[in-house]
Amino acid sequence: VSILNRKFSEIQNQLEQVNAVVNPTLTIIAPANGATVNGNVNIDFTSNNLMNLTFAYLYVDNNFVAYDNGAPFGFIWDSRFVSSAQHTIRIRGYFNGFQTFKDASITVTTNNDPVLTPSIAITSPATGSTVSGMITISTDATAANFSRVYFYVDNVYKVLDTSAPFEFSFDTRTLANGQHSIKVRGYHNQARM
């Protein structure tokens, strides 16, 4: 009987492992659903298949906030960048590469004073200036606590910078003479490192 029980237990464990691969679960364990939060909020989640979790994405009110691609998975969300109100936190986990995904959501209420507004600006070159040769496009992203900045010239993506001081050396000789636009887009990546 003990041999049969042991064999049954082994088969049951194998079935649970297969089920976890085929039908993974994702559950947010912190903060609690309905909690009131402020400042930096630890967002923790678990799955029956953490071993095969490839990527996790954090959304607040369906707006992308951050991603994490390595264990231990989790996020620190700076809730000061949203209004003091009720918000939906959603984690989307991708398993086995990108073959399967699962979502988990909770609702929290933020209570922050003051609410911060993230902004980014180009500090060099000055608007309307005439430039030539190699130039450095500089931003104030470090002061605004951004983690990555995308640079565009004439709405064409040029480069991604992921470290301060968030600058881009650009050869203006690749452009025809005349007026051109420079644009930057900054992101806060709040994946827990």
C-alpha atoms as a PDB file:
ATOM      1  CA  VAL A   1       0.000   0.000   0.000  1.00  0.00           C
ATOM      2  CA  SER A   2       2.843   2.432   0.848  1.00  0.00           C
ATOM      3  CA  ILE A   3       4.392   1.825  -2.605  1.00  0.00           C
ATOM      4  CA  LEU A   4       1.039   2.622  -4.235  1.00  0.00           C
ATOM      5  CA  ASN A   5       0.639   5.754  -2.082  1.00  0.00           C
ATOM      6  CA  ARG A   6       4.145   6.914  -2.991  1.00  0.00           C
ATOM      7  CA  LYS A   7       3.522   6.253  -6.695  1.00  0.00           C
ATOM      8  CA  PHE A   8       0.166   8.045  -6.516  1.00  0.00           C
ATOM      9  CA  SER A   9       1.873  11.006  -4.819  1.00  0.00           C
ATOM     10  CA  GLU A  10       4.564  11.125  -7.534  1.00  0.00           C
ATOM     11  CA  ILE A  11       1.949  11.066 -10.293  1.00  0.00           C
ATOM     12  CA  GLN A  12      -0.062  13.781  -8.547  1.00  0.00           C
ATOM     13  CA  ASN A  13       3.059  15.998  -8.286  1.00  0.00           C
ATOM     14  CA  GLN A  14       3.823  15.459 -11.975  1.00  0.00           C
ATOM     15  CA  LEU A  15       0.253  16.396 -12.917  1.00  0.00           C
ATOM     16  CA  GLU A  16       0.480  19.560 -10.815  1.00  0.00           C
ATOM     17  CA  GLN A  17       3.727  20.521 -12.556  1.00  0.00           C
ATOM     18  CA  VAL A  18       2.183  19.922 -15.986  1.00  0.00           C
ATOM     19  CA  ASN A  19      -0.874  21.961 -14.994  1.00  0.00           C
ATOM     20  CA  ALA A  20       1.371  24.823 -13.816  1.00  0.00           C
ATOM     21  CA  VAL A  21       3.073  24.906 -17.227  1.00  0.00           C
ATOM     22  CA  VAL A  22      -0.151  24.623 -19.208  1.00  0.00           C
ATOM     23  CA  ASN A  23      -2.304  26.800 -16.938  1.00  0.00           C
ATOM     24  CA  PRO A  24      -0.119  29.128 -14.841  1.00  0.00           C
ATOM     25  CA  THR A  25      -1.677  31.337 -12.189  1.00  0.00           C
ATOM     26  CA  LEU A  26      -0.688  34.840 -11.146  1.00  0.00           C
ATOM     27  CA  THR A  27      -1.718  36.456  -7.862  1.00  0.00           C
ATOM     28  CA  ILE A  28      -0.838  39.870  -6.401  1.00  0.00           C
ATOM     29  CA  ILE A  29      -0.018  39.351  -2.723  1.00  0.00           C
ATOM     30  CA  ALA A  30       0.941  42.925  -1.765  1.00  0.00           C
ATOM     31  CA  PRO A  31      -0.508  45.434  -1.398  1.00  0.00           C
ATOM     32  CA  ALA A  32      -3.841  43.999  -0.344  1.00  0.00           C
ATOM     33  CA  ASN A  33      -6.824  44.559  -2.597  1.00  0.00           C
ATOM     34  CA  GLY A  34      -8.619  47.704  -1.388  1.00  0.00           C
ATOM     35  CA  ALA A  35      -5.601  49.014   0.546  1.00  0.00           C
ATOM     36  CA  THR A  36      -4.787  52.709   0.924  1.00  0.00           C
ATOM     37  CA  VAL A  37      -1.191  53.421  -0.131  1.00  0.00           C
ATOM     38  CA  ASN A  38       1.186  56.345  -0.552  1.00  0.00           C
ATOM     39  CA  GLY A  39       4.735  57.036  -1.653  1.00  0.00           C
ATOM     40  CA  ASN A  40       6.753  54.047  -2.852  1.00  0.00           C
ATOM     41  CA  VAL A  41       4.611  50.916  -2.868  1.00  0.00           C
ATOM     42  CA  ASN A  42       6.063  47.398  -2.943  1.00  0.00           C
ATOM     43  CA  ILE A  43       4.104  45.276  -5.393  1.00  0.00           C
ATOM     44  CA  ASP A  44       4.671  41.572  -4.850  1.00  0.00           C
ATOM     45  CA  PHE A  45       3.078  38.686  -6.701  1.00  0.00           C
ATOM     46  CA  THR A  46       3.368  34.945  -6.934  1.00  0.00           C
ATOM     47  CA  SER A  47       2.613  32.178  -9.390  1.00  0.00           C
ATOM     48  CA  ASN A  48       2.351  28.414  -9.438  1.00  0.00           C
ATOM     49  CA  ASN A  49       4.943  28.574 -12.246  1.00  0.00           C
ATOM     50  CA  LEU A  50       7.584  31.147 -11.225  1.00  0.00           C
ATOM     51  CA  MET A  51      10.282  28.934 -12.749  1.00  0.00           C
ATOM     52  CA  ASN A  52       8.866  29.580 -16.246  1.00  0.00           C
ATOM     53  CA  LEU A  53       7.938  33.247 -15.731  1.00  0.00           C
ATOM     54  CA  THR A  54       9.834  35.193 -18.415  1.00  0.00           C
ATOM     55  CA  PHE A  55       8.586  38.783 -18.104  1.00  0.00           C
ATOM     56  CA  ALA A  56       6.264  40.713 -15.829  1.00  0.00           C
ATOM     57  CA  TYR A  57       4.689  44.032 -16.786  1.00  0.00           C
ATOM     58  CA  LEU A  58       3.144  46.548 -14.378  1.00  0.00           C
ATOM     59  CA  TYR A  59       0.175  48.668 -15.444  1.00  0.00           C
ATOM     60  CA  VAL A  60      -1.653  51.300 -13.406  1.00  0.00           C
ATOM     61  CA  ASP A  61      -5.078  52.203 -14.784  1.00  0.00           C
ATOM     62  CA  ASN A  62      -4.061  50.361 -17.999  1.00  0.00           C
ATOM     63  CA  ASN A  63      -1.024  52.623 -18.439  1.00  0.00           C
ATOM     64  CA  PHE A  64       2.309  50.831 -18.758  1.00  0.00           C
ATOM     65  CA  VAL A  65       4.586  51.666 -15.813  1.00  0.00           C
ATOM     66  CA  ALA A  66       7.438  49.153 -15.692  1.00  0.00           C
ATOM     67  CA  TYR A  67       8.686  45.705 -16.601  1.00  0.00           C
ATOM     68  CA  ASP A  68      10.785  43.090 -14.840  1.00  0.00           C
ATOM     69  CA  ASN A  69      12.582  40.218 -16.528  1.00  0.00           C
ATOM     70  CA  GLY A  70      14.427  38.468 -13.741  1.00  0.00           C
ATOM     71  CA  ALA A  71      13.823  36.735 -10.451  1.00  0.00           C
ATOM     72  CA  PRO A  72      13.025  37.743  -7.827  1.00  0.00           C
ATOM     73  CA  PHE A  73      10.145  39.437  -9.621  1.00  0.00           C
ATOM     74  CA  GLY A  74       8.466  42.473  -8.103  1.00  0.00           C
ATOM     75  CA  PHE A  75       8.015  46.218  -8.442  1.00  0.00           C
ATOM     76  CA  ILE A  76       8.368  49.397  -6.441  1.00  0.00           C
ATOM     77  CA  TRP A  77       5.717  51.798  -7.724  1.00  0.00           C
ATOM     78  CA  ASP A  78       6.031  55.498  -6.925  1.00  0.00           C
ATOM     79  CA  SER A  79       2.377  56.277  -6.349  1.00  0.00           C
ATOM     80  CA  ARG A  80       3.062  60.030  -6.080  1.00  0.00           C
ATOM     81  CA  PHE A  81       2.769  60.301  -9.859  1.00  0.00           C
ATOM     82  CA  VAL A  82      -0.973  59.572  -9.890  1.00  0.00           C
ATOM     83  CA  SER A  83      -3.863  61.480  -8.374  1.00  0.00           C
ATOM     84  CA  SER A  84      -5.012  60.716  -4.843  1.00  0.00           C
ATOM     85  CA  ALA A  85      -7.873  58.440  -5.813  1.00  0.00           C
ATOM     86  CA  GLN A  86      -8.739  54.825  -6.554  1.00  0.00           C
ATOM     87  CA  HIS A  87      -6.454  53.083  -9.070  1.00  0.00           C
ATOM     88  CA  THR A  88      -6.212  49.629 -10.631  1.00  0.00           C
ATOM     89  CA  ILE A  89      -2.872  47.833 -10.466  1.00  0.00           C
ATOM     90  CA  ARG A  90      -2.446  45.073 -13.018  1.00  0.00           C
ATOM     91  CA  ILE A  91       0.444  42.654 -13.448  1.00  0.00           C
ATOM     92  CA  ARG A  92       0.749  40.747 -16.719  1.00  0.00           C
ATOM     93  CA  GLY A  93       3.091  37.778 -16.556  1.00  0.00           C
ATOM     94  CA  TYR A  94       4.428  36.016 -19.630  1.00  0.00           C
ATOM     95  CA  PHE A  95       5.371  32.361 -19.227  1.00  0.00           C
ATOM     96  CA  ASN A  96       7.504  29.982 -21.298  1.00  0.00           C
ATOM     97  CA  GLY A  97       8.927  32.793 -23.407  1.00  0.00           C
ATOM     98  CA  PHE A  98       5.811  34.570 -24.618  1.00  0.00           C
ATOM     99  CA  GLN A  99       3.672  31.479 -25.213  1.00  0.00           C
ATOM    100  CA  THR A 100       1.236  32.111 -22.335  1.00  0.00           C
ATOM    101  CA  PHE A 101       0.259  35.166 -20.321  1.00  0.00           C
ATOM    102  CA  LYS A 102      -1.856  35.730 -17.231  1.00  0.00           C
ATOM    103  CA  ASP A 103      -3.141  38.916 -15.622  1.00  0.00           C
ATOM    104  CA  ALA A 104      -3.740  39.721 -11.979  1.00  0.00           C
ATOM    105  CA  SER A 105      -5.410  42.932 -10.799  1.00  0.00           C
ATOM    106  CA  ILE A 106      -6.200  44.734  -7.580  1.00  0.00           C
ATOM    107  CA  THR A 107      -7.610  48.134  -6.702  1.00  0.00           C
ATOM    108  CA  VAL A 108      -5.889  50.522  -4.300  1.00  0.00           C
ATOM    109  CA  THR A 109      -6.553  54.054  -3.129  1.00  0.00           C
ATOM    110  CA  THR A 110      -3.631  56.475  -3.168  1.00  0.00           C
ATOM    111  CA  ASN A 111      -3.309  59.225  -0.575  1.00  0.00           C
ATOM    112  CA  ASN A 112      -0.415  61.478  -1.568  1.00  0.00           C
ATOM    113  CA  ASP A 113       0.279  65.134  -0.991  1.00  0.00           C
ATOM    114  CA  PRO A 114       1.657  66.579  -3.146  1.00  0.00           C
ATOM    115  CA  VAL A 115       1.057  64.672  -6.370  1.00  0.00           C
ATOM    116  CA  LEU A 116       4.140  64.855  -8.610  1.00  0.00           C
ATOM    117  CA  THR A 117       4.082  65.541 -12.322  1.00  0.00           C
ATOM    118  CA  PRO A 118       6.956  63.926 -14.192  1.00  0.00           C
ATOM    119  CA  SER A 119       8.450  66.127 -16.888  1.00  0.00           C
ATOM    120  CA  ILE A 120      11.452  66.060 -19.152  1.00  0.00           C
ATOM    121  CA  ALA A 121      13.071  68.812 -21.172  1.00  0.00           C
ATOM    122  CA  ILE A 122      15.929  69.247 -23.609  1.00  0.00           C
ATOM    123  CA  THR A 123      18.564  71.437 -21.968  1.00  0.00           C
ATOM    124  CA  SER A 124      20.922  71.603 -24.969  1.00  0.00           C
ATOM    125  CA  PRO A 125      20.875  72.700 -27.725  1.00  0.00           C
ATOM    126  CA  ALA A 126      18.557  75.658 -27.100  1.00  0.00           C
ATOM    127  CA  THR A 127      15.331  75.892 -29.080  1.00  0.00           C
ATOM    128  CA  GLY A 128      15.886  77.811 -32.327  1.00  0.00           C
ATOM    129  CA  SER A 129      19.680  77.634 -32.150  1.00  0.00           C
ATOM    130  CA  THR A 130      21.853  77.010 -35.192  1.00  0.00           C
ATOM    131  CA  VAL A 131      24.116  73.986 -34.848  1.00  0.00           C
ATOM    132  CA  SER A 132      26.651  72.182 -37.004  1.00  0.00           C
ATOM    133  CA  GLY A 133      28.888  69.118 -36.878  1.00  0.00           C
ATOM    134  CA  MET A 134      28.730  66.903 -33.799  1.00  0.00           C
ATOM    135  CA  ILE A 135      26.386  68.128 -31.077  1.00  0.00           C
ATOM    136  CA  THR A 136      25.370  66.771 -27.689  1.00  0.00           C
ATOM    137  CA  ILE A 137      21.646  66.631 -27.014  1.00  0.00           C
ATOM    138  CA  SER A 138      21.211  66.927 -23.238  1.00  0.00           C
ATOM    139  CA  THR A 139      18.161  66.501 -20.998  1.00  0.00           C
ATOM    140  CA  ASP A 140      17.147  67.129 -17.404  1.00  0.00           C
ATOM    141  CA  ALA A 141      16.026  63.494 -17.044  1.00  0.00           C
ATOM    142  CA  THR A 142      18.427  62.820 -14.162  1.00  0.00           C
ATOM    143  CA  ALA A 143      16.760  65.453 -11.981  1.00  0.00           C
ATOM    144  CA  ALA A 144      13.338  64.046 -12.880  1.00  0.00           C
ATOM    145  CA  ASN A 145      14.442  60.526 -11.838  1.00  0.00           C
ATOM    146  CA  PHE A 146      13.895  58.870 -15.228  1.00  0.00           C
ATOM    147  CA  SER A 147      15.496  55.514 -15.931  1.00  0.00           C
ATOM    148  CA  ARG A 148      15.535  55.602 -19.736  1.00  0.00           C
ATOM    149  CA  VAL A 149      15.249  58.267 -22.409  1.00  0.00           C
ATOM    150  CA  TYR A 150      14.486  57.831 -26.116  1.00  0.00           C
ATOM    151  CA  PHE A 151      15.878  60.435 -28.545  1.00  0.00           C
ATOM    152  CA  TYR A 152      14.206  61.368 -31.843  1.00  0.00           C
ATOM    153  CA  VAL A 153      15.282  63.698 -34.658  1.00  0.00           C
ATOM    154  CA  ASP A 154      12.523  64.791 -37.023  1.00  0.00           C
ATOM    155  CA  ASN A 155      10.283  62.188 -35.302  1.00  0.00           C
ATOM    156  CA  VAL A 156      12.690  59.395 -36.264  1.00  0.00           C
ATOM    157  CA  TYR A 157      13.964  57.254 -33.379  1.00  0.00           C
ATOM    158  CA  LYS A 158      17.726  57.549 -32.992  1.00  0.00           C
ATOM    159  CA  VAL A 159      18.877  56.034 -29.700  1.00  0.00           C
ATOM    160  CA  LEU A 160      17.883  54.846 -26.231  1.00  0.00           C
ATOM    161  CA  ASP A 161      19.961  55.976 -23.241  1.00  0.00           C
ATOM    162  CA  THR A 162      19.547  54.058 -19.982  1.00  0.00           C
ATOM    163  CA  SER A 163      22.015  55.875 -17.743  1.00  0.00           C
ATOM    164  CA  ALA A 164      22.640  59.385 -16.474  1.00  0.00           C
ATOM    165  CA  PRO A 165      23.362  61.994 -17.653  1.00  0.00           C
ATOM    166  CA  PHE A 166      20.963  60.977 -20.496  1.00  0.00           C
ATOM    167  CA  GLU A 167      22.697  62.579 -23.463  1.00  0.00           C
ATOM    168  CA  PHE A 168      23.058  61.761 -27.125  1.00  0.00           C
ATOM    169  CA  SER A 169      25.919  62.726 -29.452  1.00  0.00           C
ATOM    170  CA  PHE A 170      24.459  63.446 -32.863  1.00  0.00           C
ATOM    171  CA  ASP A 171      26.175  64.224 -36.163  1.00  0.00           C
ATOM    172  CA  THR A 172      24.141  67.029 -37.759  1.00  0.00           C
ATOM    173  CA  ARG A 173      26.025  66.479 -41.043  1.00  0.00           C
ATOM    174  CA  THR A 174      23.635  63.552 -41.666  1.00  0.00           C
ATOM    175  CA  LEU A 175      20.826  66.102 -42.137  1.00  0.00           C
ATOM    176  CA  ALA A 176      20.103  68.582 -44.895  1.00  0.00           C
ATOM    177  CA  ASN A 177      20.571  72.244 -43.953  1.00  0.00           C
ATOM    178  CA  GLY A 178      17.410  73.748 -42.541  1.00  0.00           C
ATOM    179  CA  GLN A 179      15.123  73.503 -39.553  1.00  0.00           C
ATOM    180  CA  HIS A 180      14.829  70.159 -37.720  1.00  0.00           C
ATOM    181  CA  SER A 181      13.088  68.935 -34.591  1.00  0.00           C
ATOM    182  CA  ILE A 182      14.529  67.079 -31.600  1.00  0.00           C
ATOM    183  CA  LYS A 183      12.257  65.163 -29.259  1.00  0.00           C
ATOM    184  CA  VAL A 184      12.927  63.119 -26.114  1.00  0.00           C
ATOM    185  CA  ARG A 185      10.675  60.702 -24.284  1.00  0.00           C
ATOM    186  CA  GLY A 186      11.499  59.643 -20.714  1.00  0.00           C
ATOM    187  CA  TYR A 187      10.281  56.632 -18.724  1.00  0.00           C
ATOM    188  CA  HIS A 188      10.371  55.635 -15.098  1.00  0.00           C
ATOM    189  CA  ASN A 189      11.217  51.942 -14.894  1.00  0.00           C
ATOM    190  CA  GLN A 190      10.122  50.881 -11.446  1.00  0.00           C
ATOM    191  CA  ALA A 191      11.097  47.242 -11.574  1.00  0.00           C
ATOM    192  CA  ARG A 192      12.643  46.198  -8.308  1.00  0.00           C
ATOM    193  CA  MET A 193      16.392  45.582  -8.774  1.00  0.00           C
END
